[in-house]
Amino acid sequence: MTLRSLQQALAQFAVEREWEQFHTPKNLAMALAGESGELLEIFQWLTPEQSADVMQDSERAVQVREEMADVLAYLLRLADVLDVDLEQALADKIVKNRRKYPVHLAQGKADKYTQLGG
């Protein structure tokens, strides 16, 4: 499936339930934040090693997949409602980040671009 076909499926799901009235940008952004928080909660008290192995636990793996799907669903709905082409937005952001984080300054560092001293 493509991002566009997923957006269409989610839009149809909302239409069938007459939920478009609730799918305002504000509500969708809040729902996105809430679902992101639920994903974050899975990782909250894990060590770095445990977080890297989270998908080895079948119950946690199901939780992670479901929360990631919820995050993606709300992001896709928000993009659809706001008429944002996510593929183009991400492609543009990658170009921008390449300029902000040149390899010769950023390689192996987690510093923000303002701290790279280029």
C-alpha atoms as a PDB file:
ATOM      1  CA  MET A   1       0.000   0.000   0.000  1.00  0.00           C
ATOM      2  CA  THR A   2       1.099   3.555  -0.624  1.00  0.00           C
ATOM      3  CA  LEU A   3       0.802   6.451   1.805  1.00  0.00           C
ATOM      4  CA  ARG A   4      -1.959   7.871  -0.392  1.00  0.00           C
ATOM      5  CA  SER A   5      -3.942   4.621  -0.390  1.00  0.00           C
ATOM      6  CA  LEU A   6      -3.591   4.405   3.389  1.00  0.00           C
ATOM      7  CA  GLN A   7      -4.853   7.992   3.690  1.00  0.00           C
ATOM      8  CA  GLN A   8      -7.819   7.124   1.494  1.00  0.00           C
ATOM      9  CA  ALA A   9      -8.617   4.052   3.592  1.00  0.00           C
ATOM     10  CA  LEU A  10      -8.464   6.114   6.791  1.00  0.00           C
ATOM     11  CA  ALA A  11     -10.622   8.856   5.267  1.00  0.00           C
ATOM     12  CA  GLN A  12     -13.202   6.275   4.186  1.00  0.00           C
ATOM     13  CA  PHE A  13     -13.143   4.754   7.677  1.00  0.00           C
ATOM     14  CA  ALA A  14     -13.902   8.212   9.129  1.00  0.00           C
ATOM     15  CA  VAL A  15     -16.639   8.946   6.551  1.00  0.00           C
ATOM     16  CA  GLU A  16     -18.412   5.651   7.263  1.00  0.00           C
ATOM     17  CA  ARG A  17     -18.588   6.574  10.938  1.00  0.00           C
ATOM     18  CA  GLU A  18     -19.342  10.276  10.357  1.00  0.00           C
ATOM     19  CA  TRP A  19     -16.141  11.163  12.237  1.00  0.00           C
ATOM     20  CA  GLU A  20     -14.904  13.848   9.846  1.00  0.00           C
ATOM     21  CA  GLN A  21     -16.547  16.403  12.137  1.00  0.00           C
ATOM     22  CA  PHE A  22     -14.117  15.368  14.866  1.00  0.00           C
ATOM     23  CA  HIS A  23     -11.054  15.165  12.639  1.00  0.00           C
ATOM     24  CA  THR A  24     -10.043  18.795  12.923  1.00  0.00           C
ATOM     25  CA  PRO A  25      -6.344  19.627  12.739  1.00  0.00           C
ATOM     26  CA  LYS A  26      -6.323  20.418  16.471  1.00  0.00           C
ATOM     27  CA  ASN A  27      -7.985  17.145  17.443  1.00  0.00           C
ATOM     28  CA  LEU A  28      -5.821  15.077  15.129  1.00  0.00           C
ATOM     29  CA  ALA A  29      -2.628  16.752  16.388  1.00  0.00           C
ATOM     30  CA  MET A  30      -3.702  16.073  19.975  1.00  0.00           C
ATOM     31  CA  ALA A  31      -4.524  12.453  19.162  1.00  0.00           C
ATOM     32  CA  LEU A  32      -1.138  12.102  17.456  1.00  0.00           C
ATOM     33  CA  ALA A  33       0.597  13.419  20.566  1.00  0.00           C
ATOM     34  CA  GLY A  34      -1.411  11.061  22.757  1.00  0.00           C
ATOM     35  CA  GLU A  35      -0.538   8.014  20.676  1.00  0.00           C
ATOM     36  CA  SER A  36       3.119   9.074  20.589  1.00  0.00           C
ATOM     37  CA  GLY A  37       2.964   9.189  24.376  1.00  0.00           C
ATOM     38  CA  GLU A  38       1.559   5.668  24.474  1.00  0.00           C
ATOM     39  CA  LEU A  39       4.465   4.481  22.313  1.00  0.00           C
ATOM     40  CA  LEU A  40       6.896   6.335  24.545  1.00  0.00           C
ATOM     41  CA  GLU A  41       5.385   4.715  27.630  1.00  0.00           C
ATOM     42  CA  ILE A  42       6.448   1.272  26.376  1.00  0.00           C
ATOM     43  CA  PHE A  43      10.088   2.399  26.387  1.00  0.00           C
ATOM     44  CA  GLN A  44       9.982   4.705  29.415  1.00  0.00           C
ATOM     45  CA  TRP A  45      11.853   2.636  31.983  1.00  0.00           C
ATOM     46  CA  LEU A  46      13.803   0.321  29.710  1.00  0.00           C
ATOM     47  CA  THR A  47      17.566   0.383  29.605  1.00  0.00           C
ATOM     48  CA  PRO A  48      19.135   1.137  26.211  1.00  0.00           C
ATOM     49  CA  GLU A  49      19.810  -2.582  25.827  1.00  0.00           C
ATOM     50  CA  GLN A  50      16.243  -3.550  26.698  1.00  0.00           C
ATOM     51  CA  SER A  51      14.871  -0.967  24.281  1.00  0.00           C
ATOM     52  CA  ALA A  52      17.024  -2.380  21.476  1.00  0.00           C
ATOM     53  CA  ASP A  53      15.597  -5.851  22.199  1.00  0.00           C
ATOM     54  CA  VAL A  54      11.973  -4.771  22.708  1.00  0.00           C
ATOM     55  CA  MET A  55      10.728  -6.659  19.652  1.00  0.00           C
ATOM     56  CA  GLN A  56      12.075  -9.943  21.054  1.00  0.00           C
ATOM     57  CA  ASP A  57       9.251  -9.963  23.623  1.00  0.00           C
ATOM     58  CA  SER A  58       6.158 -11.024  21.652  1.00  0.00           C
ATOM     59  CA  GLU A  59       3.671  -9.128  23.862  1.00  0.00           C
ATOM     60  CA  ARG A  60       5.694  -5.938  23.766  1.00  0.00           C
ATOM     61  CA  ALA A  61       6.262  -6.342  20.039  1.00  0.00           C
ATOM     62  CA  VAL A  62       2.500  -6.351  19.493  1.00  0.00           C
ATOM     63  CA  GLN A  63       2.153  -3.221  21.639  1.00  0.00           C
ATOM     64  CA  VAL A  64       4.945  -1.432  19.758  1.00  0.00           C
ATOM     65  CA  ARG A  65       3.476  -2.283  16.357  1.00  0.00           C
ATOM     66  CA  GLU A  66      -0.016  -1.194  17.396  1.00  0.00           C
ATOM     67  CA  GLU A  67       1.142   2.113  18.875  1.00  0.00           C
ATOM     68  CA  MET A  68       3.324   2.827  15.848  1.00  0.00           C
ATOM     69  CA  ALA A  69       0.329   2.110  13.623  1.00  0.00           C
ATOM     70  CA  ASP A  70      -1.793   4.506  15.684  1.00  0.00           C
ATOM     71  CA  VAL A  71       0.858   7.225  15.370  1.00  0.00           C
ATOM     72  CA  LEU A  72       1.057   6.703  11.621  1.00  0.00           C
ATOM     73  CA  ALA A  73      -2.729   6.665  11.261  1.00  0.00           C
ATOM     74  CA  TYR A  74      -3.158  10.005  13.002  1.00  0.00           C
ATOM     75  CA  LEU A  75      -0.230  11.520  11.113  1.00  0.00           C
ATOM     76  CA  LEU A  76      -1.720  10.387   7.812  1.00  0.00           C
ATOM     77  CA  ARG A  77      -5.172  11.715   8.748  1.00  0.00           C
ATOM     78  CA  LEU A  78      -3.681  15.047   9.779  1.00  0.00           C
ATOM     79  CA  ALA A  79      -1.744  15.289   6.529  1.00  0.00           C
ATOM     80  CA  ASP A  80      -4.889  14.448   4.572  1.00  0.00           C
ATOM     81  CA  VAL A  81      -7.005  17.044   6.381  1.00  0.00           C
ATOM     82  CA  LEU A  82      -4.307  19.710   5.919  1.00  0.00           C
ATOM     83  CA  ASP A  83      -3.546  18.612   2.338  1.00  0.00           C
ATOM     84  CA  VAL A  84       0.127  17.987   3.099  1.00  0.00           C
ATOM     85  CA  ASP A  85       2.045  15.712   0.762  1.00  0.00           C
ATOM     86  CA  LEU A  86       4.064  13.817   3.377  1.00  0.00           C
ATOM     87  CA  GLU A  87       6.378  12.198   0.845  1.00  0.00           C
ATOM     88  CA  GLN A  88       7.349  15.604  -0.549  1.00  0.00           C
ATOM     89  CA  ALA A  89       7.536  17.160   2.926  1.00  0.00           C
ATOM     90  CA  LEU A  90       9.941  14.444   4.065  1.00  0.00           C
ATOM     91  CA  ALA A  91      12.031  14.674   0.895  1.00  0.00           C
ATOM     92  CA  ASP A  92      12.308  18.443   1.436  1.00  0.00           C
ATOM     93  CA  LYS A  93      13.256  17.931   5.091  1.00  0.00           C
ATOM     94  CA  ILE A  94      15.983  15.446   4.179  1.00  0.00           C
ATOM     95  CA  VAL A  95      17.520  18.032   1.840  1.00  0.00           C
ATOM     96  CA  LYS A  96      17.314  20.675   4.561  1.00  0.00           C
ATOM     97  CA  ASN A  97      18.882  18.350   7.151  1.00  0.00           C
ATOM     98  CA  ARG A  98      21.744  17.486   4.787  1.00  0.00           C
ATOM     99  CA  ARG A  99      22.620  21.188   4.755  1.00  0.00           C
ATOM    100  CA  LYS A 100      22.200  21.592   8.523  1.00  0.00           C
ATOM    101  CA  TYR A 101      24.167  18.438   9.334  1.00  0.00           C
ATOM    102  CA  PRO A 102      27.042  18.094   6.851  1.00  0.00           C
ATOM    103  CA  VAL A 103      28.812  14.766   7.188  1.00  0.00           C
ATOM    104  CA  HIS A 104      32.205  16.306   7.916  1.00  0.00           C
ATOM    105  CA  LEU A 105      30.747  18.135  10.959  1.00  0.00           C
ATOM    106  CA  ALA A 106      28.050  15.767  12.182  1.00  0.00           C
ATOM    107  CA  GLN A 107      29.478  12.293  11.656  1.00  0.00           C
ATOM    108  CA  GLY A 108      29.354  10.311  14.893  1.00  0.00           C
ATOM    109  CA  LYS A 109      27.881  13.238  16.883  1.00  0.00           C
ATOM    110  CA  ALA A 110      24.455  13.753  18.379  1.00  0.00           C
ATOM    111  CA  ASP A 111      24.920  17.516  18.675  1.00  0.00           C
ATOM    112  CA  LYS A 112      22.261  19.922  17.440  1.00  0.00           C
ATOM    113  CA  TYR A 113      23.267  21.684  14.224  1.00  0.00           C
ATOM    114  CA  THR A 114      23.726  24.965  16.118  1.00  0.00           C
ATOM    115  CA  GLN A 115      26.454  23.272  18.163  1.00  0.00           C
ATOM    116  CA  LEU A 116      28.442  21.766  15.292  1.00  0.00           C
ATOM    117  CA  GLY A 117      30.531  24.870  14.738  1.00  0.00           C
ATOM    118  CA  GLY A 118      30.751  24.831  10.972  1.00  0.00           C
END
